[in-house]
Amino acid sequence: MISACSKTETLQGRPCSHKGEQGLPCALLFLCKLTFHTQNGYCRPLFQLPYMQKTSIIVKRCASDQVCRGYWLRKKYQFSMQYERTTLQNGLRLLMAPMPGMRSASISFFFTVGSRYESNTNAGISHFLEHMLFKGSKKYPSARLISEAIEGVGGVFNGSTGKELTTYSARVPSEHLLEVMHALADMVRHPLFDPIEIEKERSVIIEELSSTHDDPQEWVSLLIDQAMWPGLPLGRDDAGFVETVAKIQRRQMLDYLAEYYRPQSLSWNIRHSLFVS
């Protein structure tokens, strides 16, 4: 696979005095080639460090070596993620990234809305809405049916709410890609917002907010946000306040969905080699 020194220190990423092909240190050659192969579909990378290391960081570290820098600038395109971007007529942005060596497909919906776009009266509605989309939709009227449609075929799915993005993602075996796409699409397009489920989830979110003080790392992070952006949406918890979550109603959720969950606000990311149309 590589013509480089077989010493232990080379395999661990430390430089050695021996020079390999093109006059590069053997450790760098190993790092370059292993990173290239793992990013082009090897299911099991041989070592975690090269696989996790960002290309930009590696380039910066060897920028002082002119030979090394020239090599990286010529080869950099090999390490960048190849993808296709298509904007549909309704404004939806579709990103497709082929990964030939993978047997699974990853699907992500990115909505450009988060806690910073909420007012003080409806703080936490983005997070509340994200929870409710997993509780039932038109074709999958219960959380159990949604779970069976995705986890029942060996997939996993999740959602998250941040300051500026709300994300819904799933990773499934490739042969079940289309059916899971339909399930996720139905979740975000036709949620039921069952009043009984709303009250159940309201209690769950209030409990989450109440337990923030029990996690020192999360509490410190929130205090930093409050110090940096006092009195602004960026300075508060993404889940809102107990007082506002307790007052959010079904009608508000429907209006919020209609306003922000639109094609122009959505980026749809699919990572799989077989999805071409």
C-alpha atoms as a PDB file:
ATOM      1  CA  MET A   1       0.000   0.000   0.000  1.00  0.00           C
ATOM      2  CA  ILE A   2       2.778   2.433   0.864  1.00  0.00           C
ATOM      3  CA  SER A   3       6.505   2.556   0.329  1.00  0.00           C
ATOM      4  CA  ALA A   4       7.532   3.995   3.671  1.00  0.00           C
ATOM      5  CA  CYS A   5       9.605   3.131   6.708  1.00  0.00           C
ATOM      6  CA  SER A   6       8.130   0.324   8.806  1.00  0.00           C
ATOM      7  CA  LYS A   7       9.407   1.684  12.117  1.00  0.00           C
ATOM      8  CA  THR A   8       6.912   2.005  14.939  1.00  0.00           C
ATOM      9  CA  GLU A   9       7.436   5.731  15.343  1.00  0.00           C
ATOM     10  CA  THR A  10       6.514   6.259  11.681  1.00  0.00           C
ATOM     11  CA  LEU A  11       3.210   4.414  12.024  1.00  0.00           C
ATOM     12  CA  GLN A  12       2.333   6.528  15.045  1.00  0.00           C
ATOM     13  CA  GLY A  13       2.769   9.717  13.026  1.00  0.00           C
ATOM     14  CA  ARG A  14       6.144  10.894  14.397  1.00  0.00           C
ATOM     15  CA  PRO A  15       8.744  11.966  11.837  1.00  0.00           C
ATOM     16  CA  CYS A  16      11.743   9.779  11.042  1.00  0.00           C
ATOM     17  CA  SER A  17      14.974  10.590   9.247  1.00  0.00           C
ATOM     18  CA  HIS A  18      14.343   8.177   6.374  1.00  0.00           C
ATOM     19  CA  LYS A  19      12.979   9.743   3.174  1.00  0.00           C
ATOM     20  CA  GLY A  20      10.393   8.006   1.057  1.00  0.00           C
ATOM     21  CA  GLU A  21       9.068   8.771  -2.410  1.00  0.00           C
ATOM     22  CA  GLN A  22       9.153  12.373  -3.660  1.00  0.00           C
ATOM     23  CA  GLY A  23      11.538  13.240  -0.821  1.00  0.00           C
ATOM     24  CA  LEU A  24       8.800  13.306   1.828  1.00  0.00           C
ATOM     25  CA  PRO A  25       9.240  11.929   5.336  1.00  0.00           C
ATOM     26  CA  CYS A  26       7.849   8.418   5.595  1.00  0.00           C
ATOM     27  CA  ALA A  27       5.449   9.363   8.391  1.00  0.00           C
ATOM     28  CA  LEU A  28       3.889  12.046   6.191  1.00  0.00           C
ATOM     29  CA  LEU A  29       3.568   9.646   3.283  1.00  0.00           C
ATOM     30  CA  PHE A  30       1.811   7.182   5.524  1.00  0.00           C
ATOM     31  CA  LEU A  31      -0.504   9.897   6.851  1.00  0.00           C
ATOM     32  CA  CYS A  32      -1.307  11.199   3.364  1.00  0.00           C
ATOM     33  CA  LYS A  33      -2.036   7.818   1.853  1.00  0.00           C
ATOM     34  CA  LEU A  34      -3.961   6.414   4.793  1.00  0.00           C
ATOM     35  CA  THR A  35      -6.141   9.526   4.955  1.00  0.00           C
ATOM     36  CA  PHE A  36      -6.782   9.277   1.211  1.00  0.00           C
ATOM     37  CA  HIS A  37      -7.812   5.636   1.367  1.00  0.00           C
ATOM     38  CA  THR A  38     -10.078   5.976   4.400  1.00  0.00           C
ATOM     39  CA  GLN A  39     -11.904   8.943   2.858  1.00  0.00           C
ATOM     40  CA  ASN A  40     -12.523   6.965  -0.312  1.00  0.00           C
ATOM     41  CA  GLY A  41     -14.577   4.219   1.202  1.00  0.00           C
ATOM     42  CA  TYR A  42     -12.516   1.893   3.395  1.00  0.00           C
ATOM     43  CA  CYS A  43     -14.968   0.525   5.930  1.00  0.00           C
ATOM     44  CA  ARG A  44     -12.399   0.167   8.732  1.00  0.00           C
ATOM     45  CA  PRO A  45      -9.587   2.710   8.921  1.00  0.00           C
ATOM     46  CA  LEU A  46      -6.341   1.193  10.154  1.00  0.00           C
ATOM     47  CA  PHE A  47      -5.680   3.986  12.635  1.00  0.00           C
ATOM     48  CA  GLN A  48      -8.094   6.535  14.083  1.00  0.00           C
ATOM     49  CA  LEU A  49      -5.816   9.587  14.196  1.00  0.00           C
ATOM     50  CA  PRO A  50      -5.210  10.051  10.440  1.00  0.00           C
ATOM     51  CA  TYR A  51      -8.893   9.370   9.725  1.00  0.00           C
ATOM     52  CA  MET A  52     -10.072  11.997  12.196  1.00  0.00           C
ATOM     53  CA  GLN A  53      -7.432  14.584  11.352  1.00  0.00           C
ATOM     54  CA  LYS A  54      -8.707  17.423   9.178  1.00  0.00           C
ATOM     55  CA  THR A  55      -6.842  18.001   5.934  1.00  0.00           C
ATOM     56  CA  SER A  56      -6.566  21.737   6.636  1.00  0.00           C
ATOM     57  CA  ILE A  57      -4.842  21.037   9.961  1.00  0.00           C
ATOM     58  CA  ILE A  58      -2.350  18.655   8.355  1.00  0.00           C
ATOM     59  CA  VAL A  59      -1.581  21.209   5.621  1.00  0.00           C
ATOM     60  CA  LYS A  60      -0.994  23.926   8.213  1.00  0.00           C
ATOM     61  CA  ARG A  61       1.334  21.718  10.246  1.00  0.00           C
ATOM     62  CA  CYS A  62       3.588  20.963   7.306  1.00  0.00           C
ATOM     63  CA  ALA A  63       3.356  24.418   5.672  1.00  0.00           C
ATOM     64  CA  SER A  64       6.920  25.226   6.768  1.00  0.00           C
ATOM     65  CA  ASP A  65       8.265  22.421   4.578  1.00  0.00           C
ATOM     66  CA  GLN A  66       8.139  23.677   0.973  1.00  0.00           C
ATOM     67  CA  VAL A  67       8.337  20.182  -0.526  1.00  0.00           C
ATOM     68  CA  CYS A  68       5.586  18.966   1.733  1.00  0.00           C
ATOM     69  CA  ARG A  69       3.442  22.052   1.073  1.00  0.00           C
ATOM     70  CA  GLY A  70       3.724  21.649  -2.688  1.00  0.00           C
ATOM     71  CA  TYR A  71       2.749  17.999  -2.459  1.00  0.00           C
ATOM     72  CA  TRP A  72      -0.346  18.816  -0.413  1.00  0.00           C
ATOM     73  CA  LEU A  73      -1.472  21.602  -2.700  1.00  0.00           C
ATOM     74  CA  ARG A  74      -1.285  19.215  -5.658  1.00  0.00           C
ATOM     75  CA  LYS A  75      -3.103  16.420  -3.856  1.00  0.00           C
ATOM     76  CA  LYS A  76      -5.605  18.388  -1.805  1.00  0.00           C
ATOM     77  CA  TYR A  77      -8.448  17.747  -4.231  1.00  0.00           C
ATOM     78  CA  GLN A  78      -8.200  14.025  -3.482  1.00  0.00           C
ATOM     79  CA  PHE A  79      -9.174  14.588   0.142  1.00  0.00           C
ATOM     80  CA  SER A  80     -12.066  17.000  -0.270  1.00  0.00           C
ATOM     81  CA  MET A  81     -15.614  15.674  -0.138  1.00  0.00           C
ATOM     82  CA  GLN A  82     -17.101  15.386  -3.634  1.00  0.00           C
ATOM     83  CA  TYR A  83     -20.737  16.440  -3.798  1.00  0.00           C
ATOM     84  CA  GLU A  84     -23.400  17.722  -6.152  1.00  0.00           C
ATOM     85  CA  ARG A  85     -25.685  20.620  -5.316  1.00  0.00           C
ATOM     86  CA  THR A  86     -29.068  21.011  -6.947  1.00  0.00           C
ATOM     87  CA  THR A  87     -31.684  23.677  -6.259  1.00  0.00           C
ATOM     88  CA  LEU A  88     -35.195  22.522  -7.099  1.00  0.00           C
ATOM     89  CA  GLN A  89     -37.875  24.798  -8.531  1.00  0.00           C
ATOM     90  CA  ASN A  90     -39.504  25.204  -5.114  1.00  0.00           C
ATOM     91  CA  GLY A  91     -36.210  26.462  -3.616  1.00  0.00           C
ATOM     92  CA  LEU A  92     -35.171  23.284  -1.802  1.00  0.00           C
ATOM     93  CA  ARG A  93     -31.399  22.761  -1.840  1.00  0.00           C
ATOM     94  CA  LEU A  94     -30.353  19.157  -2.388  1.00  0.00           C
ATOM     95  CA  LEU A  95     -26.788  18.055  -1.628  1.00  0.00           C
ATOM     96  CA  MET A  96     -25.694  14.595  -2.763  1.00  0.00           C
ATOM     97  CA  ALA A  97     -22.319  13.138  -1.782  1.00  0.00           C
ATOM     98  CA  PRO A  98     -21.332   9.765  -3.282  1.00  0.00           C
ATOM     99  CA  MET A  99     -19.560   7.325  -0.959  1.00  0.00           C
ATOM    100  CA  PRO A 100     -18.924   4.217  -3.081  1.00  0.00           C
ATOM    101  CA  GLY A 101     -17.476   2.035  -0.333  1.00  0.00           C
ATOM    102  CA  MET A 102     -20.355   2.430   2.118  1.00  0.00           C
ATOM    103  CA  ARG A 103     -23.303   0.083   2.489  1.00  0.00           C
ATOM    104  CA  SER A 104     -25.383   2.605   4.387  1.00  0.00           C
ATOM    105  CA  ALA A 105     -26.961   5.918   3.465  1.00  0.00           C
ATOM    106  CA  SER A 106     -27.096   9.081   5.562  1.00  0.00           C
ATOM    107  CA  ILE A 107     -29.985  11.502   5.179  1.00  0.00           C
ATOM    108  CA  SER A 108     -30.174  14.909   6.866  1.00  0.00           C
ATOM    109  CA  PHE A 109     -32.726  17.728   6.775  1.00  0.00           C
ATOM    110  CA  PHE A 110     -31.291  21.112   7.764  1.00  0.00           C
ATOM    111  CA  PHE A 111     -33.887  23.808   8.438  1.00  0.00           C
ATOM    112  CA  THR A 112     -32.477  27.310   8.776  1.00  0.00           C
ATOM    113  CA  VAL A 113     -34.357  28.107  11.969  1.00  0.00           C
ATOM    114  CA  GLY A 114     -33.361  27.876  15.603  1.00  0.00           C
ATOM    115  CA  SER A 115     -33.649  29.510  18.991  1.00  0.00           C
ATOM    116  CA  ARG A 116     -32.178  32.852  17.871  1.00  0.00           C
ATOM    117  CA  TYR A 117     -35.250  33.482  15.682  1.00  0.00           C
ATOM    118  CA  GLU A 118     -37.694  33.108  18.574  1.00  0.00           C
ATOM    119  CA  SER A 119     -39.269  35.965  20.506  1.00  0.00           C
ATOM    120  CA  ASN A 120     -39.300  36.154  24.283  1.00  0.00           C
ATOM    121  CA  THR A 121     -42.928  35.010  24.342  1.00  0.00           C
ATOM    122  CA  ASN A 122     -42.374  31.784  22.368  1.00  0.00           C
ATOM    123  CA  ALA A 123     -38.838  30.925  23.479  1.00  0.00           C
ATOM    124  CA  GLY A 124     -38.300  27.190  23.095  1.00  0.00           C
ATOM    125  CA  ILE A 125     -40.840  26.598  20.333  1.00  0.00           C
ATOM    126  CA  SER A 126     -38.188  25.380  17.838  1.00  0.00           C
ATOM    127  CA  HIS A 127     -37.062  22.707  20.281  1.00  0.00           C
ATOM    128  CA  PHE A 128     -40.654  21.827  21.202  1.00  0.00           C
ATOM    129  CA  LEU A 129     -41.529  21.476  17.529  1.00  0.00           C
ATOM    130  CA  GLU A 130     -38.552  19.203  16.921  1.00  0.00           C
ATOM    131  CA  HIS A 131     -39.755  16.891  19.706  1.00  0.00           C
ATOM    132  CA  MET A 132     -43.291  16.794  18.354  1.00  0.00           C
ATOM    133  CA  LEU A 133     -42.285  15.789  14.819  1.00  0.00           C
ATOM    134  CA  PHE A 134     -41.224  12.402  16.190  1.00  0.00           C
ATOM    135  CA  LYS A 135     -44.621  11.824  17.818  1.00  0.00           C
ATOM    136  CA  GLY A 136     -46.679  11.062  14.737  1.00  0.00           C
ATOM    137  CA  SER A 137     -47.446  12.138  11.168  1.00  0.00           C
ATOM    138  CA  LYS A 138     -50.133  11.601   8.565  1.00  0.00           C
ATOM    139  CA  LYS A 139     -48.839   8.242   7.258  1.00  0.00           C
ATOM    140  CA  TYR A 140     -47.193   7.243  10.543  1.00  0.00           C
ATOM    141  CA  PRO A 141     -49.685   8.384  13.205  1.00  0.00           C
ATOM    142  CA  SER A 142     -47.639   7.338  16.240  1.00  0.00           C
ATOM    143  CA  ALA A 143     -44.072   7.489  17.494  1.00  0.00           C
ATOM    144  CA  ARG A 144     -43.957   3.701  17.404  1.00  0.00           C
ATOM    145  CA  LEU A 145     -44.819   3.543  13.686  1.00  0.00           C
ATOM    146  CA  ILE A 146     -42.150   6.131  12.864  1.00  0.00           C
ATOM    147  CA  SER A 147     -39.629   4.148  14.863  1.00  0.00           C
ATOM    148  CA  GLU A 148     -40.593   0.900  13.142  1.00  0.00           C
ATOM    149  CA  ALA A 149     -40.258   2.519   9.709  1.00  0.00           C
ATOM    150  CA  ILE A 150     -36.646   3.493  10.410  1.00  0.00           C
ATOM    151  CA  GLU A 151     -35.258   1.439  13.277  1.00  0.00           C
ATOM    152  CA  GLY A 152     -37.250  -1.578  12.128  1.00  0.00           C
ATOM    153  CA  VAL A 153     -35.055  -1.839   9.007  1.00  0.00           C
ATOM    154  CA  GLY A 154     -31.797  -1.417  10.927  1.00  0.00           C
ATOM    155  CA  GLY A 155     -31.548   2.364  10.839  1.00  0.00           C
ATOM    156  CA  VAL A 156     -31.038   5.069  13.444  1.00  0.00           C
ATOM    157  CA  PHE A 157     -32.502   8.569  13.499  1.00  0.00           C
ATOM    158  CA  ASN A 158     -32.325  11.679  15.623  1.00  0.00           C
ATOM    159  CA  GLY A 159     -33.081  15.384  15.762  1.00  0.00           C
ATOM    160  CA  SER A 160     -31.381  18.425  17.259  1.00  0.00           C
ATOM    161  CA  THR A 161     -32.119  22.116  17.756  1.00  0.00           C
ATOM    162  CA  GLY A 162     -29.403  24.767  17.795  1.00  0.00           C
ATOM    163  CA  LYS A 163     -29.168  28.531  17.631  1.00  0.00           C
ATOM    164  CA  GLU A 164     -29.621  28.739  13.856  1.00  0.00           C
ATOM    165  CA  LEU A 165     -30.397  25.214  12.630  1.00  0.00           C
ATOM    166  CA  THR A 166     -32.877  22.450  13.340  1.00  0.00           C
ATOM    167  CA  THR A 167     -31.699  19.084  12.058  1.00  0.00           C
ATOM    168  CA  TYR A 168     -33.358  15.743  11.424  1.00  0.00           C
ATOM    169  CA  SER A 169     -31.102  12.907  10.349  1.00  0.00           C
ATOM    170  CA  ALA A 170     -31.117   9.167   9.753  1.00  0.00           C
ATOM    171  CA  ARG A 171     -28.625   6.498   8.767  1.00  0.00           C
ATOM    172  CA  VAL A 172     -29.996   3.348   7.215  1.00  0.00           C
ATOM    173  CA  PRO A 173     -28.979   0.359   5.076  1.00  0.00           C
ATOM    174  CA  SER A 174     -28.829   1.452   1.459  1.00  0.00           C
ATOM    175  CA  GLU A 175     -31.603  -0.854   0.284  1.00  0.00           C
ATOM    176  CA  HIS A 176     -34.086   0.965   2.556  1.00  0.00           C
ATOM    177  CA  LEU A 177     -33.071   4.480   1.556  1.00  0.00           C
ATOM    178  CA  LEU A 178     -36.245   5.479  -0.292  1.00  0.00           C
ATOM    179  CA  GLU A 179     -38.727   4.252   2.316  1.00  0.00           C
ATOM    180  CA  VAL A 180     -36.867   6.025   5.112  1.00  0.00           C
ATOM    181  CA  MET A 181     -36.744   9.204   3.031  1.00  0.00           C
ATOM    182  CA  HIS A 182     -40.531   9.028   2.709  1.00  0.00           C
ATOM    183  CA  ALA A 183     -40.887   8.565   6.477  1.00  0.00           C
ATOM    184  CA  LEU A 184     -38.703  11.578   7.289  1.00  0.00           C
ATOM    185  CA  ALA A 185     -40.429  13.709   4.665  1.00  0.00           C
ATOM    186  CA  ASP A 186     -43.846  12.849   6.104  1.00  0.00           C
ATOM    187  CA  MET A 187     -42.597  13.753   9.586  1.00  0.00           C
ATOM    188  CA  VAL A 188     -41.608  17.282   8.598  1.00  0.00           C
ATOM    189  CA  ARG A 189     -44.476  17.906   6.180  1.00  0.00           C
ATOM    190  CA  HIS A 190     -47.495  16.400   7.945  1.00  0.00           C
ATOM    191  CA  PRO A 191     -46.978  16.211  11.725  1.00  0.00           C
ATOM    192  CA  LEU A 192     -50.139  15.534  13.721  1.00  0.00           C
ATOM    193  CA  PHE A 193     -49.456  17.596  16.861  1.00  0.00           C
ATOM    194  CA  ASP A 194     -51.739  15.385  18.907  1.00  0.00           C
ATOM    195  CA  PRO A 195     -52.878  17.437  21.946  1.00  0.00           C
ATOM    196  CA  ILE A 196     -52.284  14.487  24.280  1.00  0.00           C
ATOM    197  CA  GLU A 197     -48.723  14.035  22.985  1.00  0.00           C
ATOM    198  CA  ILE A 198     -48.107  17.778  23.258  1.00  0.00           C
ATOM    199  CA  GLU A 199     -48.848  17.699  26.989  1.00  0.00           C
ATOM    200  CA  LYS A 200     -46.671  14.622  27.472  1.00  0.00           C
ATOM    201  CA  GLU A 201     -43.764  16.218  25.663  1.00  0.00           C
ATOM    202  CA  ARG A 202     -44.252  19.508  27.469  1.00  0.00           C
ATOM    203  CA  SER A 203     -43.555  17.707  30.733  1.00  0.00           C
ATOM    204  CA  VAL A 204     -40.455  16.069  29.264  1.00  0.00           C
ATOM    205  CA  ILE A 205     -39.021  19.403  28.084  1.00  0.00           C
ATOM    206  CA  ILE A 206     -39.748  21.150  31.384  1.00  0.00           C
ATOM    207  CA  GLU A 207     -37.900  18.339  33.138  1.00  0.00           C
ATOM    208  CA  GLU A 208     -34.968  18.838  30.755  1.00  0.00           C
ATOM    209  CA  LEU A 209     -34.871  22.546  31.555  1.00  0.00           C
ATOM    210  CA  SER A 210     -35.058  21.873  35.284  1.00  0.00           C
ATOM    211  CA  SER A 211     -32.140  19.441  35.107  1.00  0.00           C
ATOM    212  CA  THR A 212     -29.795  21.913  33.375  1.00  0.00           C
ATOM    213  CA  HIS A 213     -28.305  22.940  36.728  1.00  0.00           C
ATOM    214  CA  ASP A 214     -27.427  19.309  37.431  1.00  0.00           C
ATOM    215  CA  ASP A 215     -24.916  19.204  34.566  1.00  0.00           C
ATOM    216  CA  PRO A 216     -21.967  21.525  35.368  1.00  0.00           C
ATOM    217  CA  GLN A 217     -20.656  21.552  31.788  1.00  0.00           C
ATOM    218  CA  GLU A 218     -24.028  22.468  30.320  1.00  0.00           C
ATOM    219  CA  TRP A 219     -24.687  25.056  33.023  1.00  0.00           C
ATOM    220  CA  VAL A 220     -21.309  26.753  32.531  1.00  0.00           C
ATOM    221  CA  SER A 221     -21.859  26.841  28.762  1.00  0.00           C
ATOM    222  CA  LEU A 222     -25.220  28.517  29.282  1.00  0.00           C
ATOM    223  CA  LEU A 223     -23.710  31.079  31.668  1.00  0.00           C
ATOM    224  CA  ILE A 224     -21.067  31.950  29.064  1.00  0.00           C
ATOM    225  CA  ASP A 225     -23.777  32.518  26.458  1.00  0.00           C
ATOM    226  CA  GLN A 226     -25.685  34.756  28.852  1.00  0.00           C
ATOM    227  CA  ALA A 227     -22.545  36.794  29.556  1.00  0.00           C
ATOM    228  CA  MET A 228     -21.714  37.200  25.869  1.00  0.00           C
ATOM    229  CA  TRP A 229     -25.234  38.038  24.655  1.00  0.00           C
ATOM    230  CA  PRO A 230     -27.188  39.446  27.614  1.00  0.00           C
ATOM    231  CA  GLY A 231     -30.867  39.906  26.929  1.00  0.00           C
ATOM    232  CA  LEU A 232     -30.623  38.397  23.419  1.00  0.00           C
ATOM    233  CA  PRO A 233     -31.952  35.080  22.038  1.00  0.00           C
ATOM    234  CA  LEU A 234     -28.374  33.848  21.550  1.00  0.00           C
ATOM    235  CA  GLY A 235     -27.826  34.152  25.288  1.00  0.00           C
ATOM    236  CA  ARG A 236     -30.578  31.824  26.420  1.00  0.00           C
ATOM    237  CA  ASP A 237     -31.090  28.078  26.495  1.00  0.00           C
ATOM    238  CA  ASP A 238     -32.079  26.608  23.122  1.00  0.00           C
ATOM    239  CA  ALA A 239     -34.974  24.869  24.855  1.00  0.00           C
ATOM    240  CA  GLY A 240     -36.355  28.186  26.118  1.00  0.00           C
ATOM    241  CA  PHE A 241     -37.710  28.835  29.626  1.00  0.00           C
ATOM    242  CA  VAL A 242     -40.019  26.785  31.790  1.00  0.00           C
ATOM    243  CA  GLU A 243     -42.533  29.660  31.798  1.00  0.00           C
ATOM    244  CA  THR A 244     -42.676  29.963  27.984  1.00  0.00           C
ATOM    245  CA  VAL A 245     -42.705  26.219  27.276  1.00  0.00           C
ATOM    246  CA  ALA A 246     -45.623  25.840  29.675  1.00  0.00           C
ATOM    247  CA  LYS A 247     -47.674  28.306  27.591  1.00  0.00           C
ATOM    248  CA  ILE A 248     -46.911  27.185  24.007  1.00  0.00           C
ATOM    249  CA  GLN A 249     -50.083  26.011  22.275  1.00  0.00           C
ATOM    250  CA  ARG A 250     -50.818  23.774  19.290  1.00  0.00           C
ATOM    251  CA  ARG A 251     -51.920  26.714  17.133  1.00  0.00           C
ATOM    252  CA  GLN A 252     -48.562  28.413  17.665  1.00  0.00           C
ATOM    253  CA  MET A 253     -46.750  25.270  16.541  1.00  0.00           C
ATOM    254  CA  LEU A 254     -48.800  25.045  13.353  1.00  0.00           C
ATOM    255  CA  ASP A 255     -48.102  28.707  12.529  1.00  0.00           C
ATOM    256  CA  TYR A 256     -44.398  28.285  13.272  1.00  0.00           C
ATOM    257  CA  LEU A 257     -44.237  25.203  11.050  1.00  0.00           C
ATOM    258  CA  ALA A 258     -45.937  27.017   8.179  1.00  0.00           C
ATOM    259  CA  GLU A 259     -43.619  30.019   8.493  1.00  0.00           C
ATOM    260  CA  TYR A 260     -40.227  28.337   8.830  1.00  0.00           C
ATOM    261  CA  TYR A 261     -40.516  24.762   7.548  1.00  0.00           C
ATOM    262  CA  ARG A 262     -40.585  25.770   3.891  1.00  0.00           C
ATOM    263  CA  PRO A 263     -38.548  24.492   0.920  1.00  0.00           C
ATOM    264  CA  GLN A 264     -36.525  27.720   0.771  1.00  0.00           C
ATOM    265  CA  SER A 265     -35.432  27.132   4.382  1.00  0.00           C
ATOM    266  CA  LEU A 266     -34.410  23.508   3.838  1.00  0.00           C
ATOM    267  CA  SER A 267     -31.125  21.924   2.816  1.00  0.00           C
ATOM    268  CA  TRP A 268     -31.424  18.199   2.192  1.00  0.00           C
ATOM    269  CA  ASN A 269     -28.192  16.228   2.433  1.00  0.00           C
ATOM    270  CA  ILE A 270     -27.882  12.655   1.124  1.00  0.00           C
ATOM    271  CA  ARG A 271     -24.654  10.702   1.307  1.00  0.00           C
ATOM    272  CA  HIS A 272     -24.841   7.618  -0.862  1.00  0.00           C
ATOM    273  CA  SER A 273     -23.468   6.555  -4.221  1.00  0.00           C
ATOM    274  CA  LEU A 274     -26.700   5.078  -5.599  1.00  0.00           C
ATOM    275  CA  PHE A 275     -28.958   8.146  -5.285  1.00  0.00           C
ATOM    276  CA  VAL A 276     -28.729   9.882  -8.680  1.00  0.00           C
ATOM    277  CA  SER A 277     -32.131  11.427  -9.363  1.00  0.00           C
END
